Amino acid sequence: VGSAEALSGLHLDAQAALAQGDLNPARQLQGKPKPFT
């Protein structure tokens, strides 16, 4: 649930790509606000 809460801040297209394993989650979260840190 913690990961899901963090990833919910991403664009829906990025979430879909992550779910399919096409993107690196750590890279997508770079530069996000501190709640995700």
ModelCIF file with pLDDT and N, C-alpha, C, O atoms, coordinates in Angstrom:
data_MODEL
#
_entry.id   MODEL 
#
_entity.id                         1 
_entity.type                       polymer 
_entity.pdbx_number_of_molecules   1 
#
_entity_poly.entity_id                      1 
_entity_poly.type                           'polypeptide(L)' 
_entity_poly.nstd_linkage                   no 
_entity_poly.nstd_monomer                   no 
_entity_poly.pdbx_seq_one_letter_code       VGSAEALSGLHLDAQAALAQGDLNPARQLQGKPKPFT 
_entity_poly.pdbx_seq_one_letter_code_can   VGSAEALSGLHLDAQAALAQGDLNPARQLQGKPKPFT 
_entity_poly.pdbx_strand_id                 A 
#
loop_
_entity_poly_seq.entity_id 
_entity_poly_seq.num 
_entity_poly_seq.mon_id 
_entity_poly_seq.hetero 
1 1  VAL n 
1 2  GLY n 
1 3  SER n 
1 4  ALA n 
1 5  GLU n 
1 6  ALA n 
1 7  LEU n 
1 8  SER n 
1 9  GLY n 
1 10 LEU n 
1 11 HIS n 
1 12 LEU n 
1 13 ASP n 
1 14 ALA n 
1 15 GLN n 
1 16 ALA n 
1 17 ALA n 
1 18 LEU n 
1 19 ALA n 
1 20 GLN n 
1 21 GLY n 
1 22 ASP n 
1 23 LEU n 
1 24 ASN n 
1 25 PRO n 
1 26 ALA n 
1 27 ARG n 
1 28 GLN n 
1 29 LEU n 
1 30 GLN n 
1 31 GLY n 
1 32 LYS n 
1 33 PRO n 
1 34 LYS n 
1 35 PRO n 
1 36 PHE n 
1 37 THR n 
#
_struct_asym.id          A 
_struct_asym.entity_id   1 
#
loop_
_ma_qa_metric.id 
_ma_qa_metric.mode 
_ma_qa_metric.name 
_ma_qa_metric.software_group_id 
_ma_qa_metric.type 
1 global pLDDT . pLDDT 
2 local  pLDDT . pLDDT 
#
_ma_qa_metric_global.metric_id      1 
_ma_qa_metric_global.metric_value   70.11 
_ma_qa_metric_global.model_id       1 
_ma_qa_metric_global.ordinal_id     1 
#
loop_
_ma_qa_metric_local.label_asym_id 
_ma_qa_metric_local.label_comp_id 
_ma_qa_metric_local.label_seq_id 
_ma_qa_metric_local.metric_id 
_ma_qa_metric_local.metric_value 
_ma_qa_metric_local.model_id 
_ma_qa_metric_local.ordinal_id 
A VAL 1  2 90.00 1 1  
A GLY 2  2 89.00 1 2  
A SER 3  2 89.00 1 3  
A ALA 4  2 91.00 1 4  
A GLU 5  2 90.00 1 5  
A ALA 6  2 90.00 1 6  
A LEU 7  2 91.00 1 7  
A SER 8  2 91.00 1 8  
A GLY 9  2 89.00 1 9  
A LEU 10 2 91.00 1 10 
A HIS 11 2 90.00 1 11 
A LEU 12 2 91.00 1 12 
A ASP 13 2 90.00 1 13 
A ALA 14 2 89.00 1 14 
A GLN 15 2 89.00 1 15 
A ALA 16 2 90.00 1 16 
A ALA 17 2 88.00 1 17 
A LEU 18 2 88.00 1 18 
A ALA 19 2 86.00 1 19 
A GLN 20 2 84.00 1 20 
A GLY 21 2 77.00 1 21 
A ASP 22 2 53.00 1 22 
A LEU 23 2 48.00 1 23 
A ASN 24 2 52.00 1 24 
A PRO 25 2 53.00 1 25 
A ALA 26 2 49.00 1 26 
A ARG 27 2 51.00 1 27 
A GLN 28 2 51.00 1 28 
A LEU 29 2 51.00 1 29 
A GLN 30 2 50.00 1 30 
A GLY 31 2 48.00 1 31 
A LYS 32 2 48.00 1 32 
A PRO 33 2 40.00 1 33 
A LYS 34 2 36.00 1 34 
A PRO 35 2 36.00 1 35 
A PHE 36 2 33.00 1 36 
A THR 37 2 32.00 1 37 
#
loop_
_atom_site.group_PDB 
_atom_site.id 
_atom_site.type_symbol 
_atom_site.label_atom_id 
_atom_site.label_alt_id 
_atom_site.label_comp_id 
_atom_site.label_asym_id 
_atom_site.label_entity_id 
_atom_site.label_seq_id 
_atom_site.pdbx_PDB_ins_code 
_atom_site.Cartn_x 
_atom_site.Cartn_y 
_atom_site.Cartn_z 
_atom_site.occupancy 
_atom_site.B_iso_or_equiv 
_atom_site.pdbx_formal_charge 
_atom_site.auth_seq_id 
_atom_site.auth_comp_id 
_atom_site.auth_asym_id 
_atom_site.auth_atom_id 
_atom_site.pdbx_PDB_model_num 
ATOM 1   N N  . VAL A 1 1  ? 0.822  -1.205 0.000   1.00 90.00 ? 1  VAL A N  1 
ATOM 2   C CA . VAL A 1 1  ? 0.000  0.000  0.000   1.00 90.00 ? 1  VAL A CA 1 
ATOM 3   C C  . VAL A 1 1  ? 0.856  1.254  0.000   1.00 90.00 ? 1  VAL A C  1 
ATOM 4   O O  . VAL A 1 1  ? 0.467  2.260  -0.593  1.00 90.00 ? 1  VAL A O  1 
ATOM 5   N N  . GLY A 1 2  ? 2.019  1.220  0.654   1.00 89.00 ? 2  GLY A N  1 
ATOM 6   C CA . GLY A 1 2  ? 2.901  2.375  0.639   1.00 89.00 ? 2  GLY A CA 1 
ATOM 7   C C  . GLY A 1 2  ? 3.407  2.702  -0.751  1.00 89.00 ? 2  GLY A C  1 
ATOM 8   O O  . GLY A 1 2  ? 3.456  3.865  -1.151  1.00 89.00 ? 2  GLY A O  1 
ATOM 9   N N  . SER A 1 3  ? 3.783  1.665  -1.483  1.00 89.00 ? 3  SER A N  1 
ATOM 10  C CA . SER A 1 3  ? 4.217  1.859  -2.865  1.00 89.00 ? 3  SER A CA 1 
ATOM 11  C C  . SER A 1 3  ? 3.074  2.371  -3.728  1.00 89.00 ? 3  SER A C  1 
ATOM 12  O O  . SER A 1 3  ? 3.271  3.233  -4.584  1.00 89.00 ? 3  SER A O  1 
ATOM 13  N N  . ALA A 1 4  ? 1.886  1.838  -3.501  1.00 91.00 ? 4  ALA A N  1 
ATOM 14  C CA . ALA A 1 4  ? 0.729  2.274  -4.286  1.00 91.00 ? 4  ALA A CA 1 
ATOM 15  C C  . ALA A 1 4  ? 0.423  3.741  -4.026  1.00 91.00 ? 4  ALA A C  1 
ATOM 16  O O  . ALA A 1 4  ? 0.108  4.485  -4.955  1.00 91.00 ? 4  ALA A O  1 
ATOM 17  N N  . GLU A 1 5  ? 0.513  4.160  -2.771  1.00 90.00 ? 5  GLU A N  1 
ATOM 18  C CA . GLU A 1 5  ? 0.269  5.563  -2.450  1.00 90.00 ? 5  GLU A CA 1 
ATOM 19  C C  . GLU A 1 5  ? 1.284  6.464  -3.148  1.00 90.00 ? 5  GLU A C  1 
ATOM 20  O O  . GLU A 1 5  ? 0.930  7.529  -3.653  1.00 90.00 ? 5  GLU A O  1 
ATOM 21  N N  . ALA A 1 6  ? 2.545  6.036  -3.174  1.00 90.00 ? 6  ALA A N  1 
ATOM 22  C CA . ALA A 1 6  ? 3.578  6.823  -3.840  1.00 90.00 ? 6  ALA A CA 1 
ATOM 23  C C  . ALA A 1 6  ? 3.333  6.894  -5.348  1.00 90.00 ? 6  ALA A C  1 
ATOM 24  O O  . ALA A 1 6  ? 3.411  7.968  -5.944  1.00 90.00 ? 6  ALA A O  1 
ATOM 25  N N  . LEU A 1 7  ? 3.043  5.765  -5.952  1.00 91.00 ? 7  LEU A N  1 
ATOM 26  C CA . LEU A 1 7  ? 2.871  5.706  -7.397  1.00 91.00 ? 7  LEU A CA 1 
ATOM 27  C C  . LEU A 1 7  ? 1.588  6.385  -7.870  1.00 91.00 ? 7  LEU A C  1 
ATOM 28  O O  . LEU A 1 7  ? 1.461  6.710  -9.050  1.00 91.00 ? 7  LEU A O  1 
ATOM 29  N N  . SER A 1 8  ? 0.644  6.600  -6.969  1.00 91.00 ? 8  SER A N  1 
ATOM 30  C CA . SER A 1 8  ? -0.610 7.255  -7.359  1.00 91.00 ? 8  SER A CA 1 
ATOM 31  C C  . SER A 1 8  ? -0.382 8.692  -7.809  1.00 91.00 ? 8  SER A C  1 
ATOM 32  O O  . SER A 1 8  ? -1.236 9.282  -8.471  1.00 91.00 ? 8  SER A O  1 
ATOM 33  N N  . GLY A 1 9  ? 0.782  9.262  -7.447  1.00 89.00 ? 9  GLY A N  1 
ATOM 34  C CA . GLY A 1 9  ? 1.086  10.620 -7.873  1.00 89.00 ? 9  GLY A CA 1 
ATOM 35  C C  . GLY A 1 9  ? 1.600  10.725 -9.288  1.00 89.00 ? 9  GLY A C  1 
ATOM 36  O O  . GLY A 1 9  ? 1.769  11.827 -9.809  1.00 89.00 ? 9  GLY A O  1 
ATOM 37  N N  . LEU A 1 10 ? 1.851  9.592  -9.915  1.00 91.00 ? 10 LEU A N  1 
ATOM 38  C CA . LEU A 1 10 ? 2.343  9.601  -11.295 1.00 91.00 ? 10 LEU A CA 1 
ATOM 39  C C  . LEU A 1 10 ? 1.190  9.719  -12.288 1.00 91.00 ? 10 LEU A C  1 
ATOM 40  O O  . LEU A 1 10 ? 0.042  9.412  -11.967 1.00 91.00 ? 10 LEU A O  1 
ATOM 41  N N  . HIS A 1 11 ? 1.517  10.171 -13.503 1.00 90.00 ? 11 HIS A N  1 
ATOM 42  C CA . HIS A 1 11 ? 0.531  10.214 -14.572 1.00 90.00 ? 11 HIS A CA 1 
ATOM 43  C C  . HIS A 1 11 ? 0.027  8.796  -14.837 1.00 90.00 ? 11 HIS A C  1 
ATOM 44  O O  . HIS A 1 11 ? 0.768  7.826  -14.683 1.00 90.00 ? 11 HIS A O  1 
ATOM 45  N N  . LEU A 1 12 ? -1.227 8.690  -15.233 1.00 91.00 ? 12 LEU A N  1 
ATOM 46  C CA . LEU A 1 12 ? -1.825 7.370  -15.451 1.00 91.00 ? 12 LEU A CA 1 
ATOM 47  C C  . LEU A 1 12 ? -1.065 6.560  -16.500 1.00 91.00 ? 12 LEU A C  1 
ATOM 48  O O  . LEU A 1 12 ? -0.934 5.344  -16.369 1.00 91.00 ? 12 LEU A O  1 
ATOM 49  N N  . ASP A 1 13 ? -0.565 7.231  -17.544 1.00 90.00 ? 13 ASP A N  1 
ATOM 50  C CA . ASP A 1 13 ? 0.193  6.509  -18.567 1.00 90.00 ? 13 ASP A CA 1 
ATOM 51  C C  . ASP A 1 13 ? 1.469  5.909  -17.980 1.00 90.00 ? 13 ASP A C  1 
ATOM 52  O O  . ASP A 1 13 ? 1.842  4.784  -18.315 1.00 90.00 ? 13 ASP A O  1 
ATOM 53  N N  . ALA A 1 14 ? 2.142  6.668  -17.098 1.00 89.00 ? 14 ALA A N  1 
ATOM 54  C CA . ALA A 1 14 ? 3.363  6.167  -16.464 1.00 89.00 ? 14 ALA A CA 1 
ATOM 55  C C  . ALA A 1 14 ? 3.038  4.994  -15.547 1.00 89.00 ? 14 ALA A C  1 
ATOM 56  O O  . ALA A 1 14 ? 3.789  4.020  -15.489 1.00 89.00 ? 14 ALA A O  1 
ATOM 57  N N  . GLN A 1 15 ? 1.912  5.086  -14.825 1.00 89.00 ? 15 GLN A N  1 
ATOM 58  C CA . GLN A 1 15 ? 1.509  3.973  -13.968 1.00 89.00 ? 15 GLN A CA 1 
ATOM 59  C C  . GLN A 1 15 ? 1.264  2.712  -14.795 1.00 89.00 ? 15 GLN A C  1 
ATOM 60  O O  . GLN A 1 15 ? 1.688  1.618  -14.419 1.00 89.00 ? 15 GLN A O  1 
ATOM 61  N N  . ALA A 1 16 ? 0.580  2.878  -15.918 1.00 90.00 ? 16 ALA A N  1 
ATOM 62  C CA . ALA A 1 16 ? 0.283  1.719  -16.770 1.00 90.00 ? 16 ALA A CA 1 
ATOM 63  C C  . ALA A 1 16 ? 1.564  1.087  -17.288 1.00 90.00 ? 16 ALA A C  1 
ATOM 64  O O  . ALA A 1 16 ? 1.682  -0.137 -17.342 1.00 90.00 ? 16 ALA A O  1 
ATOM 65  N N  . ALA A 1 17 ? 2.537  1.934  -17.674 1.00 88.00 ? 17 ALA A N  1 
ATOM 66  C CA . ALA A 1 17 ? 3.806  1.416  -18.174 1.00 88.00 ? 17 ALA A CA 1 
ATOM 67  C C  . ALA A 1 17 ? 4.569  0.693  -17.072 1.00 88.00 ? 17 ALA A C  1 
ATOM 68  O O  . ALA A 1 17 ? 5.183  -0.347 -17.312 1.00 88.00 ? 17 ALA A O  1 
ATOM 69  N N  . LEU A 1 18 ? 4.528  1.247  -15.863 1.00 88.00 ? 18 LEU A N  1 
ATOM 70  C CA . LEU A 1 18 ? 5.181  0.590  -14.730 1.00 88.00 ? 18 LEU A CA 1 
ATOM 71  C C  . LEU A 1 18 ? 4.558  -0.773 -14.453 1.00 88.00 ? 18 LEU A C  1 
ATOM 72  O O  . LEU A 1 18 ? 5.260  -1.750 -14.190 1.00 88.00 ? 18 LEU A O  1 
ATOM 73  N N  . ALA A 1 19 ? 3.257  -0.820 -14.514 1.00 86.00 ? 19 ALA A N  1 
ATOM 74  C CA . ALA A 1 19 ? 2.568  -2.082 -14.240 1.00 86.00 ? 19 ALA A CA 1 
ATOM 75  C C  . ALA A 1 19 ? 2.948  -3.157 -15.248 1.00 86.00 ? 19 ALA A C  1 
ATOM 76  O O  . ALA A 1 19 ? 2.938  -4.349 -14.940 1.00 86.00 ? 19 ALA A O  1 
ATOM 77  N N  . GLN A 1 20 ? 3.287  -2.715 -16.470 1.00 84.00 ? 20 GLN A N  1 
ATOM 78  C CA . GLN A 1 20 ? 3.693  -3.667 -17.508 1.00 84.00 ? 20 GLN A CA 1 
ATOM 79  C C  . GLN A 1 20 ? 5.196  -3.932 -17.472 1.00 84.00 ? 20 GLN A C  1 
ATOM 80  O O  . GLN A 1 20 ? 5.710  -4.740 -18.246 1.00 84.00 ? 20 GLN A O  1 
ATOM 81  N N  . GLY A 1 21 ? 5.900  -3.241 -16.562 1.00 77.00 ? 21 GLY A N  1 
ATOM 82  C CA . GLY A 1 21 ? 7.331  -3.465 -16.429 1.00 77.00 ? 21 GLY A CA 1 
ATOM 83  C C  . GLY A 1 21 ? 8.174  -2.724 -17.431 1.00 77.00 ? 21 GLY A C  1 
ATOM 84  O O  . GLY A 1 21 ? 9.325  -3.091 -17.670 1.00 77.00 ? 21 GLY A O  1 
ATOM 85  N N  . ASP A 1 22 ? 7.603  -1.651 -18.043 1.00 53.00 ? 22 ASP A N  1 
ATOM 86  C CA . ASP A 1 22 ? 8.324  -0.942 -19.101 1.00 53.00 ? 22 ASP A CA 1 
ATOM 87  C C  . ASP A 1 22 ? 9.153  0.234  -18.589 1.00 53.00 ? 22 ASP A C  1 
ATOM 88  O O  . ASP A 1 22 ? 10.005 0.749  -19.314 1.00 53.00 ? 22 ASP A O  1 
ATOM 89  N N  . LEU A 1 23 ? 8.913  0.668  -17.338 1.00 48.00 ? 23 LEU A N  1 
ATOM 90  C CA . LEU A 1 23 ? 9.619  1.819  -16.798 1.00 48.00 ? 23 LEU A CA 1 
ATOM 91  C C  . LEU A 1 23 ? 10.239 1.483  -15.457 1.00 48.00 ? 23 LEU A C  1 
ATOM 92  O O  . LEU A 1 23 ? 9.817  0.544  -14.782 1.00 48.00 ? 23 LEU A O  1 
ATOM 93  N N  . ASN A 1 24 ? 11.250 2.259  -15.075 1.00 52.00 ? 24 ASN A N  1 
ATOM 94  C CA . ASN A 1 24 ? 11.907 2.105  -13.779 1.00 52.00 ? 24 ASN A CA 1 
ATOM 95  C C  . ASN A 1 24 ? 11.172 2.953  -12.754 1.00 52.00 ? 24 ASN A C  1 
ATOM 96  O O  . ASN A 1 24 ? 11.132 4.173  -12.910 1.00 52.00 ? 24 ASN A O  1 
ATOM 97  N N  . PRO A 1 25 ? 10.578 2.360  -11.695 1.00 53.00 ? 25 PRO A N  1 
ATOM 98  C CA . PRO A 1 25 ? 9.803  3.138  -10.732 1.00 53.00 ? 25 PRO A CA 1 
ATOM 99  C C  . PRO A 1 25 ? 10.621 4.186  -9.999  1.00 53.00 ? 25 PRO A C  1 
ATOM 100 O O  . PRO A 1 25 ? 10.133 5.291  -9.763  1.00 53.00 ? 25 PRO A O  1 
ATOM 101 N N  . ALA A 1 26 ? 11.844 3.865  -9.637  1.00 49.00 ? 26 ALA A N  1 
ATOM 102 C CA . ALA A 1 26 ? 12.675 4.827  -8.911  1.00 49.00 ? 26 ALA A CA 1 
ATOM 103 C C  . ALA A 1 26 ? 12.925 6.064  -9.759  1.00 49.00 ? 26 ALA A C  1 
ATOM 104 O O  . ALA A 1 26 ? 12.890 7.184  -9.250  1.00 49.00 ? 26 ALA A O  1 
ATOM 105 N N  . ARG A 1 27 ? 13.183 5.864  -11.082 1.00 51.00 ? 27 ARG A N  1 
ATOM 106 C CA . ARG A 1 27 ? 13.430 6.998  -11.975 1.00 51.00 ? 27 ARG A CA 1 
ATOM 107 C C  . ARG A 1 27 ? 12.165 7.840  -12.117 1.00 51.00 ? 27 ARG A C  1 
ATOM 108 O O  . ARG A 1 27 ? 12.249 9.068  -12.149 1.00 51.00 ? 27 ARG A O  1 
ATOM 109 N N  . GLN A 1 28 ? 11.010 7.213  -12.200 1.00 51.00 ? 28 GLN A N  1 
ATOM 110 C CA . GLN A 1 28 ? 9.757  7.950  -12.353 1.00 51.00 ? 28 GLN A CA 1 
ATOM 111 C C  . GLN A 1 28 ? 9.455  8.819  -11.142 1.00 51.00 ? 28 GLN A C  1 
ATOM 112 O O  . GLN A 1 28 ? 8.818  9.865  -11.266 1.00 51.00 ? 28 GLN A O  1 
ATOM 113 N N  . LEU A 1 29 ? 9.912  8.386  -9.964  1.00 51.00 ? 29 LEU A N  1 
ATOM 114 C CA . LEU A 1 29 ? 9.609  9.126  -8.744  1.00 51.00 ? 29 LEU A CA 1 
ATOM 115 C C  . LEU A 1 29 ? 10.645 10.196 -8.442  1.00 51.00 ? 29 LEU A C  1 
ATOM 116 O O  . LEU A 1 29 ? 10.477 10.940 -7.476  1.00 51.00 ? 29 LEU A O  1 
ATOM 117 N N  . GLN A 1 30 ? 11.693 10.302 -9.215  1.00 50.00 ? 30 GLN A N  1 
ATOM 118 C CA . GLN A 1 30 ? 12.699 11.325 -8.985  1.00 50.00 ? 30 GLN A CA 1 
ATOM 119 C C  . GLN A 1 30 ? 12.080 12.704 -9.156  1.00 50.00 ? 30 GLN A C  1 
ATOM 120 O O  . GLN A 1 30 ? 11.364 12.972 -10.122 1.00 50.00 ? 30 GLN A O  1 
ATOM 121 N N  . GLY A 1 31 ? 12.376 13.582 -8.181  1.00 48.00 ? 31 GLY A N  1 
ATOM 122 C CA . GLY A 1 31 ? 11.869 14.936 -8.243  1.00 48.00 ? 31 GLY A CA 1 
ATOM 123 C C  . GLY A 1 31 ? 10.471 15.093 -7.727  1.00 48.00 ? 31 GLY A C  1 
ATOM 124 O O  . GLY A 1 31 ? 9.928  16.198 -7.740  1.00 48.00 ? 31 GLY A O  1 
ATOM 125 N N  . LYS A 1 32 ? 9.853  13.984 -7.257  1.00 48.00 ? 32 LYS A N  1 
ATOM 126 C CA . LYS A 1 32 ? 8.519  14.075 -6.690  1.00 48.00 ? 32 LYS A CA 1 
ATOM 127 C C  . LYS A 1 32 ? 8.593  14.721 -5.312  1.00 48.00 ? 32 LYS A C  1 
ATOM 128 O O  . LYS A 1 32 ? 9.670  14.743 -4.715  1.00 48.00 ? 32 LYS A O  1 
ATOM 129 N N  . PRO A 1 33 ? 7.473  15.253 -4.777  1.00 40.00 ? 33 PRO A N  1 
ATOM 130 C CA . PRO A 1 33 ? 7.471  15.888 -3.464  1.00 40.00 ? 33 PRO A CA 1 
ATOM 131 C C  . PRO A 1 33 ? 7.908  14.938 -2.365  1.00 40.00 ? 33 PRO A C  1 
ATOM 132 O O  . PRO A 1 33 ? 7.919  13.721 -2.553  1.00 40.00 ? 33 PRO A O  1 
ATOM 133 N N  . LYS A 1 34 ? 8.264  15.490 -1.231  1.00 36.00 ? 34 LYS A N  1 
ATOM 134 C CA . LYS A 1 34 ? 8.807  14.725 -0.120  1.00 36.00 ? 34 LYS A CA 1 
ATOM 135 C C  . LYS A 1 34 ? 7.921  13.601 0.401   1.00 36.00 ? 34 LYS A C  1 
ATOM 136 O O  . LYS A 1 34 ? 8.454  12.606 0.891   1.00 36.00 ? 34 LYS A O  1 
ATOM 137 N N  . PRO A 1 35 ? 6.581  13.708 0.322   1.00 36.00 ? 35 PRO A N  1 
ATOM 138 C CA . PRO A 1 35 ? 5.779  12.582 0.812   1.00 36.00 ? 35 PRO A CA 1 
ATOM 139 C C  . PRO A 1 35 ? 6.162  11.247 0.217   1.00 36.00 ? 35 PRO A C  1 
ATOM 140 O O  . PRO A 1 35 ? 5.901  10.210 0.825   1.00 36.00 ? 35 PRO A O  1 
ATOM 141 N N  . PHE A 1 36 ? 6.793  11.240 -0.989  1.00 33.00 ? 36 PHE A N  1 
ATOM 142 C CA . PHE A 1 36 ? 7.165  9.977  -1.608  1.00 33.00 ? 36 PHE A CA 1 
ATOM 143 C C  . PHE A 1 36 ? 8.551  9.509  -1.157  1.00 33.00 ? 36 PHE A C  1 
ATOM 144 O O  . PHE A 1 36 ? 8.907  8.351  -1.377  1.00 33.00 ? 36 PHE A O  1 
ATOM 145 N N  . THR A 1 37 ? 9.343  10.396 -0.525  1.00 32.00 ? 37 THR A N  1 
ATOM 146 C CA . THR A 1 37 ? 10.715 10.075 -0.190  1.00 32.00 ? 37 THR A CA 1 
ATOM 147 C C  . THR A 1 37 ? 10.793 8.921  0.785   1.00 32.00 ? 37 THR A C  1 
ATOM 148 O O  . THR A 1 37 ? 11.888 8.517  1.177   1.00 32.00 ? 37 THR A O  1 
#
